[in-house]
Amino acid sequence: SLWKCIKFADIALYNAKDSGRNCVKRFDASMVDSQELKSDF
């Protein structure tokens, strides 16, 4: 799902913010719990 991938990129963005900003973060499944990974967007 493209929309889901956009959501995952947004999650990775917030992960980059939490990691000190001014960086690039690739989405990883560990960034969300299993229930959120399976949910629809």
ModelCIF file with pLDDT and N, C-alpha, C, O atoms, coordinates in Angstrom:
data_MODEL
#
_entry.id   MODEL 
#
_entity.id                         1 
_entity.type                       polymer 
_entity.pdbx_number_of_molecules   1 
#
_entity_poly.entity_id                      1 
_entity_poly.type                           'polypeptide(L)' 
_entity_poly.nstd_linkage                   no 
_entity_poly.nstd_monomer                   no 
_entity_poly.pdbx_seq_one_letter_code       SLWKCIKFADIALYNAKDSGRNCVKRFDASMVDSQELKSDF 
_entity_poly.pdbx_seq_one_letter_code_can   SLWKCIKFADIALYNAKDSGRNCVKRFDASMVDSQELKSDF 
_entity_poly.pdbx_strand_id                 A 
#
loop_
_entity_poly_seq.entity_id 
_entity_poly_seq.num 
_entity_poly_seq.mon_id 
_entity_poly_seq.hetero 
1 1  SER n 
1 2  LEU n 
1 3  TRP n 
1 4  LYS n 
1 5  CYS n 
1 6  ILE n 
1 7  LYS n 
1 8  PHE n 
1 9  ALA n 
1 10 ASP n 
1 11 ILE n 
1 12 ALA n 
1 13 LEU n 
1 14 TYR n 
1 15 ASN n 
1 16 ALA n 
1 17 LYS n 
1 18 ASP n 
1 19 SER n 
1 20 GLY n 
1 21 ARG n 
1 22 ASN n 
1 23 CYS n 
1 24 VAL n 
1 25 LYS n 
1 26 ARG n 
1 27 PHE n 
1 28 ASP n 
1 29 ALA n 
1 30 SER n 
1 31 MET n 
1 32 VAL n 
1 33 ASP n 
1 34 SER n 
1 35 GLN n 
1 36 GLU n 
1 37 LEU n 
1 38 LYS n 
1 39 SER n 
1 40 ASP n 
1 41 PHE n 
#
_struct_asym.id          A 
_struct_asym.entity_id   1 
#
loop_
_ma_qa_metric.id 
_ma_qa_metric.mode 
_ma_qa_metric.name 
_ma_qa_metric.software_group_id 
_ma_qa_metric.type 
1 global pLDDT . pLDDT 
2 local  pLDDT . pLDDT 
#
_ma_qa_metric_global.metric_id      1 
_ma_qa_metric_global.metric_value   83.88 
_ma_qa_metric_global.model_id       1 
_ma_qa_metric_global.ordinal_id     1 
#
loop_
_ma_qa_metric_local.label_asym_id 
_ma_qa_metric_local.label_comp_id 
_ma_qa_metric_local.label_seq_id 
_ma_qa_metric_local.metric_id 
_ma_qa_metric_local.metric_value 
_ma_qa_metric_local.model_id 
_ma_qa_metric_local.ordinal_id 
A SER 1  2 88.00 1 1  
A LEU 2  2 90.00 1 2  
A TRP 3  2 90.00 1 3  
A LYS 4  2 92.00 1 4  
A CYS 5  2 93.00 1 5  
A ILE 6  2 93.00 1 6  
A LYS 7  2 93.00 1 7  
A PHE 8  2 94.00 1 8  
A ALA 9  2 94.00 1 9  
A ASP 10 2 94.00 1 10 
A ILE 11 2 93.00 1 11 
A ALA 12 2 94.00 1 12 
A LEU 13 2 94.00 1 13 
A TYR 14 2 93.00 1 14 
A ASN 15 2 94.00 1 15 
A ALA 16 2 94.00 1 16 
A LYS 17 2 93.00 1 17 
A ASP 18 2 92.00 1 18 
A SER 19 2 91.00 1 19 
A GLY 20 2 91.00 1 20 
A ARG 21 2 93.00 1 21 
A ASN 22 2 94.00 1 22 
A CYS 23 2 95.00 1 23 
A VAL 24 2 94.00 1 24 
A LYS 25 2 94.00 1 25 
A ARG 26 2 94.00 1 26 
A PHE 27 2 93.00 1 27 
A ASP 28 2 89.00 1 28 
A ALA 29 2 85.00 1 29 
A SER 30 2 86.00 1 30 
A MET 31 2 85.00 1 31 
A VAL 32 2 81.00 1 32 
A ASP 33 2 70.00 1 33 
A SER 34 2 57.00 1 34 
A GLN 35 2 53.00 1 35 
A GLU 36 2 56.00 1 36 
A LEU 37 2 56.00 1 37 
A LYS 38 2 53.00 1 38 
A SER 39 2 58.00 1 39 
A ASP 40 2 54.00 1 40 
A PHE 41 2 49.00 1 41 
#
loop_
_atom_site.group_PDB 
_atom_site.id 
_atom_site.type_symbol 
_atom_site.label_atom_id 
_atom_site.label_alt_id 
_atom_site.label_comp_id 
_atom_site.label_asym_id 
_atom_site.label_entity_id 
_atom_site.label_seq_id 
_atom_site.pdbx_PDB_ins_code 
_atom_site.Cartn_x 
_atom_site.Cartn_y 
_atom_site.Cartn_z 
_atom_site.occupancy 
_atom_site.B_iso_or_equiv 
_atom_site.pdbx_formal_charge 
_atom_site.auth_seq_id 
_atom_site.auth_comp_id 
_atom_site.auth_asym_id 
_atom_site.auth_atom_id 
_atom_site.pdbx_PDB_model_num 
ATOM 1   N N  . SER A 1 1  ? 0.852  -1.186 0.000  1.00 88.00 ? 1  SER A N  1 
ATOM 2   C CA . SER A 1 1  ? 0.000  0.000  0.000  1.00 88.00 ? 1  SER A CA 1 
ATOM 3   C C  . SER A 1 1  ? 0.886  1.233  0.000  1.00 88.00 ? 1  SER A C  1 
ATOM 4   O O  . SER A 1 1  ? 1.729  1.396  0.882  1.00 88.00 ? 1  SER A O  1 
ATOM 5   N N  . LEU A 1 2  ? 0.696  2.112  -0.998 1.00 90.00 ? 2  LEU A N  1 
ATOM 6   C CA . LEU A 1 2  ? 1.489  3.331  -1.052 1.00 90.00 ? 2  LEU A CA 1 
ATOM 7   C C  . LEU A 1 2  ? 1.208  4.225  0.148  1.00 90.00 ? 2  LEU A C  1 
ATOM 8   O O  . LEU A 1 2  ? 2.124  4.816  0.721  1.00 90.00 ? 2  LEU A O  1 
ATOM 9   N N  . TRP A 1 3  ? -0.047 4.319  0.519  1.00 90.00 ? 3  TRP A N  1 
ATOM 10  C CA . TRP A 1 3  ? -0.395 5.146  1.681  1.00 90.00 ? 3  TRP A CA 1 
ATOM 11  C C  . TRP A 1 3  ? 0.275  4.638  2.956  1.00 90.00 ? 3  TRP A C  1 
ATOM 12  O O  . TRP A 1 3  ? 0.703  5.418  3.807  1.00 90.00 ? 3  TRP A O  1 
ATOM 13  N N  . LYS A 1 4  ? 0.355  3.322  3.066  1.00 92.00 ? 4  LYS A N  1 
ATOM 14  C CA . LYS A 1 4  ? 0.996  2.734  4.237  1.00 92.00 ? 4  LYS A CA 1 
ATOM 15  C C  . LYS A 1 4  ? 2.500  3.026  4.238  1.00 92.00 ? 4  LYS A C  1 
ATOM 16  O O  . LYS A 1 4  ? 3.106  3.289  5.277  1.00 92.00 ? 4  LYS A O  1 
ATOM 17  N N  . CYS A 1 5  ? 3.089  2.969  3.010  1.00 93.00 ? 5  CYS A N  1 
ATOM 18  C CA . CYS A 1 5  ? 4.511  3.281  2.895  1.00 93.00 ? 5  CYS A CA 1 
ATOM 19  C C  . CYS A 1 5  ? 4.781  4.742  3.239  1.00 93.00 ? 5  CYS A C  1 
ATOM 20  O O  . CYS A 1 5  ? 5.807  5.057  3.841  1.00 93.00 ? 5  CYS A O  1 
ATOM 21  N N  . ILE A 1 6  ? 3.860  5.644  2.859  1.00 93.00 ? 6  ILE A N  1 
ATOM 22  C CA . ILE A 1 6  ? 3.997  7.054  3.230  1.00 93.00 ? 6  ILE A CA 1 
ATOM 23  C C  . ILE A 1 6  ? 3.949  7.196  4.753  1.00 93.00 ? 6  ILE A C  1 
ATOM 24  O O  . ILE A 1 6  ? 4.702  7.968  5.347  1.00 93.00 ? 6  ILE A O  1 
ATOM 25  N N  . LYS A 1 7  ? 3.055  6.438  5.359  1.00 93.00 ? 7  LYS A N  1 
ATOM 26  C CA . LYS A 1 7  ? 2.958  6.469  6.828  1.00 93.00 ? 7  LYS A CA 1 
ATOM 27  C C  . LYS A 1 7  ? 4.260  5.964  7.458  1.00 93.00 ? 7  LYS A C  1 
ATOM 28  O O  . LYS A 1 7  ? 4.739  6.521  8.445  1.00 93.00 ? 7  LYS A O  1 
ATOM 29  N N  . PHE A 1 8  ? 4.825  4.898  6.871  1.00 94.00 ? 8  PHE A N  1 
ATOM 30  C CA . PHE A 1 8  ? 6.077  4.359  7.391  1.00 94.00 ? 8  PHE A CA 1 
ATOM 31  C C  . PHE A 1 8  ? 7.211  5.385  7.238  1.00 94.00 ? 8  PHE A C  1 
ATOM 32  O O  . PHE A 1 8  ? 8.053  5.512  8.127  1.00 94.00 ? 8  PHE A O  1 
ATOM 33  N N  . ALA A 1 9  ? 7.235  6.122  6.104  1.00 94.00 ? 9  ALA A N  1 
ATOM 34  C CA . ALA A 1 9  ? 8.251  7.160  5.929  1.00 94.00 ? 9  ALA A CA 1 
ATOM 35  C C  . ALA A 1 9  ? 8.081  8.253  6.973  1.00 94.00 ? 9  ALA A C  1 
ATOM 36  O O  . ALA A 1 9  ? 9.067  8.815  7.449  1.00 94.00 ? 9  ALA A O  1 
ATOM 37  N N  . ASP A 1 10 ? 6.829  8.558  7.333  1.00 94.00 ? 10 ASP A N  1 
ATOM 38  C CA . ASP A 1 10 ? 6.551  9.565  8.351  1.00 94.00 ? 10 ASP A CA 1 
ATOM 39  C C  . ASP A 1 10 ? 7.035  9.086  9.727  1.00 94.00 ? 10 ASP A C  1 
ATOM 40  O O  . ASP A 1 10 ? 7.564  9.860  10.525 1.00 94.00 ? 10 ASP A O  1 
ATOM 41  N N  . ILE A 1 11 ? 6.836  7.790  9.976  1.00 93.00 ? 11 ILE A N  1 
ATOM 42  C CA . ILE A 1 11 ? 7.319  7.210  11.240 1.00 93.00 ? 11 ILE A CA 1 
ATOM 43  C C  . ILE A 1 11 ? 8.850  7.287  11.297 1.00 93.00 ? 11 ILE A C  1 
ATOM 44  O O  . ILE A 1 11 ? 9.434  7.617  12.330 1.00 93.00 ? 11 ILE A O  1 
ATOM 45  N N  . ALA A 1 12 ? 9.488  6.970  10.148 1.00 94.00 ? 12 ALA A N  1 
ATOM 46  C CA . ALA A 1 12 ? 10.954 7.049  10.099 1.00 94.00 ? 12 ALA A CA 1 
ATOM 47  C C  . ALA A 1 12 ? 11.424 8.474  10.303 1.00 94.00 ? 12 ALA A C  1 
ATOM 48  O O  . ALA A 1 12 ? 12.478 8.700  10.898 1.00 94.00 ? 12 ALA A O  1 
ATOM 49  N N  . LEU A 1 13 ? 10.630 9.473  9.802  1.00 94.00 ? 13 LEU A N  1 
ATOM 50  C CA . LEU A 1 13 ? 10.977 10.877 9.986  1.00 94.00 ? 13 LEU A CA 1 
ATOM 51  C C  . LEU A 1 13 ? 10.988 11.221 11.472 1.00 94.00 ? 13 LEU A C  1 
ATOM 52  O O  . LEU A 1 13 ? 11.925 11.856 11.957 1.00 94.00 ? 13 LEU A O  1 
ATOM 53  N N  . TYR A 1 14 ? 9.956  10.806 12.189 1.00 93.00 ? 14 TYR A N  1 
ATOM 54  C CA . TYR A 1 14 ? 9.908  11.110 13.618 1.00 93.00 ? 14 TYR A CA 1 
ATOM 55  C C  . TYR A 1 14 ? 11.017 10.392 14.378 1.00 93.00 ? 14 TYR A C  1 
ATOM 56  O O  . TYR A 1 14 ? 11.498 10.864 15.408 1.00 93.00 ? 14 TYR A O  1 
ATOM 57  N N  . ASN A 1 15 ? 11.415 9.222  13.835 1.00 94.00 ? 15 ASN A N  1 
ATOM 58  C CA . ASN A 1 15 ? 12.536 8.509  14.433 1.00 94.00 ? 15 ASN A CA 1 
ATOM 59  C C  . ASN A 1 15 ? 13.820 9.320  14.247 1.00 94.00 ? 15 ASN A C  1 
ATOM 60  O O  . ASN A 1 15 ? 14.671 9.371  15.134 1.00 94.00 ? 15 ASN A O  1 
ATOM 61  N N  . ALA A 1 16 ? 13.941 9.950  13.077 1.00 94.00 ? 16 ALA A N  1 
ATOM 62  C CA . ALA A 1 16 ? 15.108 10.806 12.835 1.00 94.00 ? 16 ALA A CA 1 
ATOM 63  C C  . ALA A 1 16 ? 15.091 12.007 13.759 1.00 94.00 ? 16 ALA A C  1 
ATOM 64  O O  . ALA A 1 16 ? 16.144 12.423 14.243 1.00 94.00 ? 16 ALA A O  1 
ATOM 65  N N  . LYS A 1 17 ? 13.905 12.582 14.019 1.00 93.00 ? 17 LYS A N  1 
ATOM 66  C CA . LYS A 1 17 ? 13.795 13.708 14.958 1.00 93.00 ? 17 LYS A CA 1 
ATOM 67  C C  . LYS A 1 17 ? 14.241 13.293 16.357 1.00 93.00 ? 17 LYS A C  1 
ATOM 68  O O  . LYS A 1 17 ? 14.958 14.013 17.052 1.00 93.00 ? 17 LYS A O  1 
ATOM 69  N N  . ASP A 1 18 ? 13.783 12.099 16.739 1.00 92.00 ? 18 ASP A N  1 
ATOM 70  C CA . ASP A 1 18 ? 14.115 11.612 18.083 1.00 92.00 ? 18 ASP A CA 1 
ATOM 71  C C  . ASP A 1 18 ? 15.594 11.255 18.197 1.00 92.00 ? 18 ASP A C  1 
ATOM 72  O O  . ASP A 1 18 ? 16.147 11.192 19.295 1.00 92.00 ? 18 ASP A O  1 
ATOM 73  N N  . SER A 1 19 ? 16.233 11.020 17.029 1.00 91.00 ? 19 SER A N  1 
ATOM 74  C CA . SER A 1 19 ? 17.648 10.624 17.049 1.00 91.00 ? 19 SER A CA 1 
ATOM 75  C C  . SER A 1 19 ? 18.586 11.819 16.969 1.00 91.00 ? 19 SER A C  1 
ATOM 76  O O  . SER A 1 19 ? 19.787 11.648 16.760 1.00 91.00 ? 19 SER A O  1 
ATOM 77  N N  . GLY A 1 20 ? 18.066 13.005 17.129 1.00 91.00 ? 20 GLY A N  1 
ATOM 78  C CA . GLY A 1 20 ? 18.931 14.179 17.140 1.00 91.00 ? 20 GLY A CA 1 
ATOM 79  C C  . GLY A 1 20 ? 18.781 15.087 15.941 1.00 91.00 ? 20 GLY A C  1 
ATOM 80  O O  . GLY A 1 20 ? 19.482 16.095 15.845 1.00 91.00 ? 20 GLY A O  1 
ATOM 81  N N  . ARG A 1 21 ? 17.868 14.753 15.006 1.00 93.00 ? 21 ARG A N  1 
ATOM 82  C CA . ARG A 1 21 ? 17.615 15.587 13.819 1.00 93.00 ? 21 ARG A CA 1 
ATOM 83  C C  . ARG A 1 21 ? 18.825 15.635 12.889 1.00 93.00 ? 21 ARG A C  1 
ATOM 84  O O  . ARG A 1 21 ? 19.885 15.079 13.176 1.00 93.00 ? 21 ARG A O  1 
ATOM 85  N N  . ASN A 1 22 ? 18.618 16.345 11.724 1.00 94.00 ? 22 ASN A N  1 
ATOM 86  C CA . ASN A 1 22 ? 19.660 16.504 10.684 1.00 94.00 ? 22 ASN A CA 1 
ATOM 87  C C  . ASN A 1 22 ? 20.255 15.154 10.290 1.00 94.00 ? 22 ASN A C  1 
ATOM 88  O O  . ASN A 1 22 ? 21.471 14.971 10.242 1.00 94.00 ? 22 ASN A O  1 
ATOM 89  N N  . CYS A 1 23 ? 19.337 14.202 10.005 1.00 95.00 ? 23 CYS A N  1 
ATOM 90  C CA . CYS A 1 23 ? 19.796 12.886 9.576  1.00 95.00 ? 23 CYS A CA 1 
ATOM 91  C C  . CYS A 1 23 ? 18.737 12.218 8.734  1.00 95.00 ? 23 CYS A C  1 
ATOM 92  O O  . CYS A 1 23 ? 17.616 12.711 8.619  1.00 95.00 ? 23 CYS A O  1 
ATOM 93  N N  . VAL A 1 24 ? 19.105 11.065 8.132  1.00 94.00 ? 24 VAL A N  1 
ATOM 94  C CA . VAL A 1 24 ? 18.178 10.288 7.296  1.00 94.00 ? 24 VAL A CA 1 
ATOM 95  C C  . VAL A 1 24 ? 17.958 8.945  7.959  1.00 94.00 ? 24 VAL A C  1 
ATOM 96  O O  . VAL A 1 24 ? 18.918 8.269  8.330  1.00 94.00 ? 24 VAL A O  1 
ATOM 97  N N  . LYS A 1 25 ? 16.714 8.556  8.111  1.00 94.00 ? 25 LYS A N  1 
ATOM 98  C CA . LYS A 1 25 ? 16.400 7.269  8.720  1.00 94.00 ? 25 LYS A CA 1 
ATOM 99  C C  . LYS A 1 25 ? 15.568 6.446  7.743  1.00 94.00 ? 25 LYS A C  1 
ATOM 100 O O  . LYS A 1 25 ? 14.562 6.914  7.208  1.00 94.00 ? 25 LYS A O  1 
ATOM 101 N N  . ARG A 1 26 ? 16.014 5.205  7.522  1.00 94.00 ? 26 ARG A N  1 
ATOM 102 C CA . ARG A 1 26 ? 15.274 4.234  6.693  1.00 94.00 ? 26 ARG A CA 1 
ATOM 103 C C  . ARG A 1 26 ? 14.299 3.507  7.586  1.00 94.00 ? 26 ARG A C  1 
ATOM 104 O O  . ARG A 1 26 ? 14.667 3.069  8.676  1.00 94.00 ? 26 ARG A O  1 
ATOM 105 N N  . PHE A 1 27 ? 13.064 3.371  7.146  1.00 93.00 ? 27 PHE A N  1 
ATOM 106 C CA . PHE A 1 27 ? 12.047 2.718  7.965  1.00 93.00 ? 27 PHE A CA 1 
ATOM 107 C C  . PHE A 1 27 ? 12.462 1.284  8.238  1.00 93.00 ? 27 PHE A C  1 
ATOM 108 O O  . PHE A 1 27 ? 12.985 0.572  7.381  1.00 93.00 ? 27 PHE A O  1 
ATOM 109 N N  . ASP A 1 28 ? 12.193 0.890  9.508  1.00 89.00 ? 28 ASP A N  1 
ATOM 110 C CA . ASP A 1 28 ? 12.429 -0.491 9.918  1.00 89.00 ? 28 ASP A CA 1 
ATOM 111 C C  . ASP A 1 28 ? 11.227 -0.949 10.714 1.00 89.00 ? 28 ASP A C  1 
ATOM 112 O O  . ASP A 1 28 ? 10.614 -0.153 11.426 1.00 89.00 ? 28 ASP A O  1 
ATOM 113 N N  . ALA A 1 29 ? 10.882 -2.217 10.605 1.00 85.00 ? 29 ALA A N  1 
ATOM 114 C CA . ALA A 1 29 ? 9.697  -2.742 11.282 1.00 85.00 ? 29 ALA A CA 1 
ATOM 115 C C  . ALA A 1 29 ? 9.773  -2.577 12.796 1.00 85.00 ? 29 ALA A C  1 
ATOM 116 O O  . ALA A 1 29 ? 8.756  -2.557 13.489 1.00 85.00 ? 29 ALA A O  1 
ATOM 117 N N  . SER A 1 30 ? 11.003 -2.459 13.291 1.00 86.00 ? 30 SER A N  1 
ATOM 118 C CA . SER A 1 30 ? 11.170 -2.312 14.739 1.00 86.00 ? 30 SER A CA 1 
ATOM 119 C C  . SER A 1 30 ? 10.700 -0.960 15.249 1.00 86.00 ? 30 SER A C  1 
ATOM 120 O O  . SER A 1 30 ? 10.558 -0.751 16.454 1.00 86.00 ? 30 SER A O  1 
ATOM 121 N N  . MET A 1 31 ? 10.458 -0.028 14.300 1.00 85.00 ? 31 MET A N  1 
ATOM 122 C CA . MET A 1 31 ? 10.016 1.301  14.711 1.00 85.00 ? 31 MET A CA 1 
ATOM 123 C C  . MET A 1 31 ? 8.566  1.322  15.167 1.00 85.00 ? 31 MET A C  1 
ATOM 124 O O  . MET A 1 31 ? 8.134  2.277  15.812 1.00 85.00 ? 31 MET A O  1 
ATOM 125 N N  . VAL A 1 32 ? 7.812  0.281  14.841 1.00 81.00 ? 32 VAL A N  1 
ATOM 126 C CA . VAL A 1 32 ? 6.398  0.193  15.226 1.00 81.00 ? 32 VAL A CA 1 
ATOM 127 C C  . VAL A 1 32 ? 6.140  -1.178 15.806 1.00 81.00 ? 32 VAL A C  1 
ATOM 128 O O  . VAL A 1 32 ? 6.902  -2.112 15.557 1.00 81.00 ? 32 VAL A O  1 
ATOM 129 N N  . ASP A 1 33 ? 5.093  -1.308 16.564 1.00 70.00 ? 33 ASP A N  1 
ATOM 130 C CA . ASP A 1 33 ? 4.747  -2.626 17.085 1.00 70.00 ? 33 ASP A CA 1 
ATOM 131 C C  . ASP A 1 33 ? 4.055  -3.429 15.998 1.00 70.00 ? 33 ASP A C  1 
ATOM 132 O O  . ASP A 1 33 ? 3.641  -2.882 14.976 1.00 70.00 ? 33 ASP A O  1 
ATOM 133 N N  . SER A 1 34 ? 3.933  -4.717 16.222 1.00 57.00 ? 34 SER A N  1 
ATOM 134 C CA . SER A 1 34 ? 3.382  -5.635 15.208 1.00 57.00 ? 34 SER A CA 1 
ATOM 135 C C  . SER A 1 34 ? 1.942  -5.309 14.868 1.00 57.00 ? 34 SER A C  1 
ATOM 136 O O  . SER A 1 34 ? 1.529  -5.473 13.720 1.00 57.00 ? 34 SER A O  1 
ATOM 137 N N  . GLN A 1 35 ? 1.176  -4.855 15.831 1.00 53.00 ? 35 GLN A N  1 
ATOM 138 C CA . GLN A 1 35 ? -0.231 -4.533 15.579 1.00 53.00 ? 35 GLN A CA 1 
ATOM 139 C C  . GLN A 1 35 ? -0.344 -3.337 14.640 1.00 53.00 ? 35 GLN A C  1 
ATOM 140 O O  . GLN A 1 35 ? -1.179 -3.340 13.736 1.00 53.00 ? 35 GLN A O  1 
ATOM 141 N N  . GLU A 1 36 ? 0.478  -2.321 14.842 1.00 56.00 ? 36 GLU A N  1 
ATOM 142 C CA . GLU A 1 36 ? 0.452  -1.134 13.981 1.00 56.00 ? 36 GLU A CA 1 
ATOM 143 C C  . GLU A 1 36 ? 0.962  -1.464 12.585 1.00 56.00 ? 36 GLU A C  1 
ATOM 144 O O  . GLU A 1 36 ? 0.515  -0.878 11.599 1.00 56.00 ? 36 GLU A O  1 
ATOM 145 N N  . LEU A 1 37 ? 1.898  -2.403 12.505 1.00 56.00 ? 37 LEU A N  1 
ATOM 146 C CA . LEU A 1 37 ? 2.438  -2.810 11.211 1.00 56.00 ? 37 LEU A CA 1 
ATOM 147 C C  . LEU A 1 37 ? 1.376  -3.455 10.341 1.00 56.00 ? 37 LEU A C  1 
ATOM 148 O O  . LEU A 1 37 ? 1.388  -3.323 9.117  1.00 56.00 ? 37 LEU A O  1 
ATOM 149 N N  . LYS A 1 38 ? 0.458  -4.156 10.990 1.00 53.00 ? 38 LYS A N  1 
ATOM 150 C CA . LYS A 1 38 ? -0.576 -4.877 10.246 1.00 53.00 ? 38 LYS A CA 1 
ATOM 151 C C  . LYS A 1 38 ? -1.802 -4.011 9.968  1.00 53.00 ? 38 LYS A C  1 
ATOM 152 O O  . LYS A 1 38 ? -2.626 -4.387 9.133  1.00 53.00 ? 38 LYS A O  1 
ATOM 153 N N  . SER A 1 39 ? -1.950 -2.902 10.615 1.00 58.00 ? 39 SER A N  1 
ATOM 154 C CA . SER A 1 39 ? -3.161 -2.089 10.464 1.00 58.00 ? 39 SER A CA 1 
ATOM 155 C C  . SER A 1 39 ? -3.198 -1.428 9.086  1.00 58.00 ? 39 SER A C  1 
ATOM 156 O O  . SER A 1 39 ? -2.170 -1.221 8.442  1.00 58.00 ? 39 SER A O  1 
ATOM 157 N N  . ASP A 1 40 ? -4.431 -1.103 8.656  1.00 54.00 ? 40 ASP A N  1 
ATOM 158 C CA . ASP A 1 40 ? -4.621 -0.435 7.368  1.00 54.00 ? 40 ASP A CA 1 
ATOM 159 C C  . ASP A 1 40 ? -4.595 1.078  7.555  1.00 54.00 ? 40 ASP A C  1 
ATOM 160 O O  . ASP A 1 40 ? -4.944 1.600  8.614  1.00 54.00 ? 40 ASP A O  1 
ATOM 161 N N  . PHE A 1 41 ? -4.163 1.782  6.471  1.00 49.00 ? 41 PHE A N  1 
ATOM 162 C CA . PHE A 1 41 ? -4.136 3.244  6.500  1.00 49.00 ? 41 PHE A CA 1 
ATOM 163 C C  . PHE A 1 41 ? -4.988 3.775  5.381  1.00 49.00 ? 41 PHE A C  1 
ATOM 164 O O  . PHE A 1 41 ? -5.108 4.989  5.220  1.00 49.00 ? 41 PHE A O  1 
#
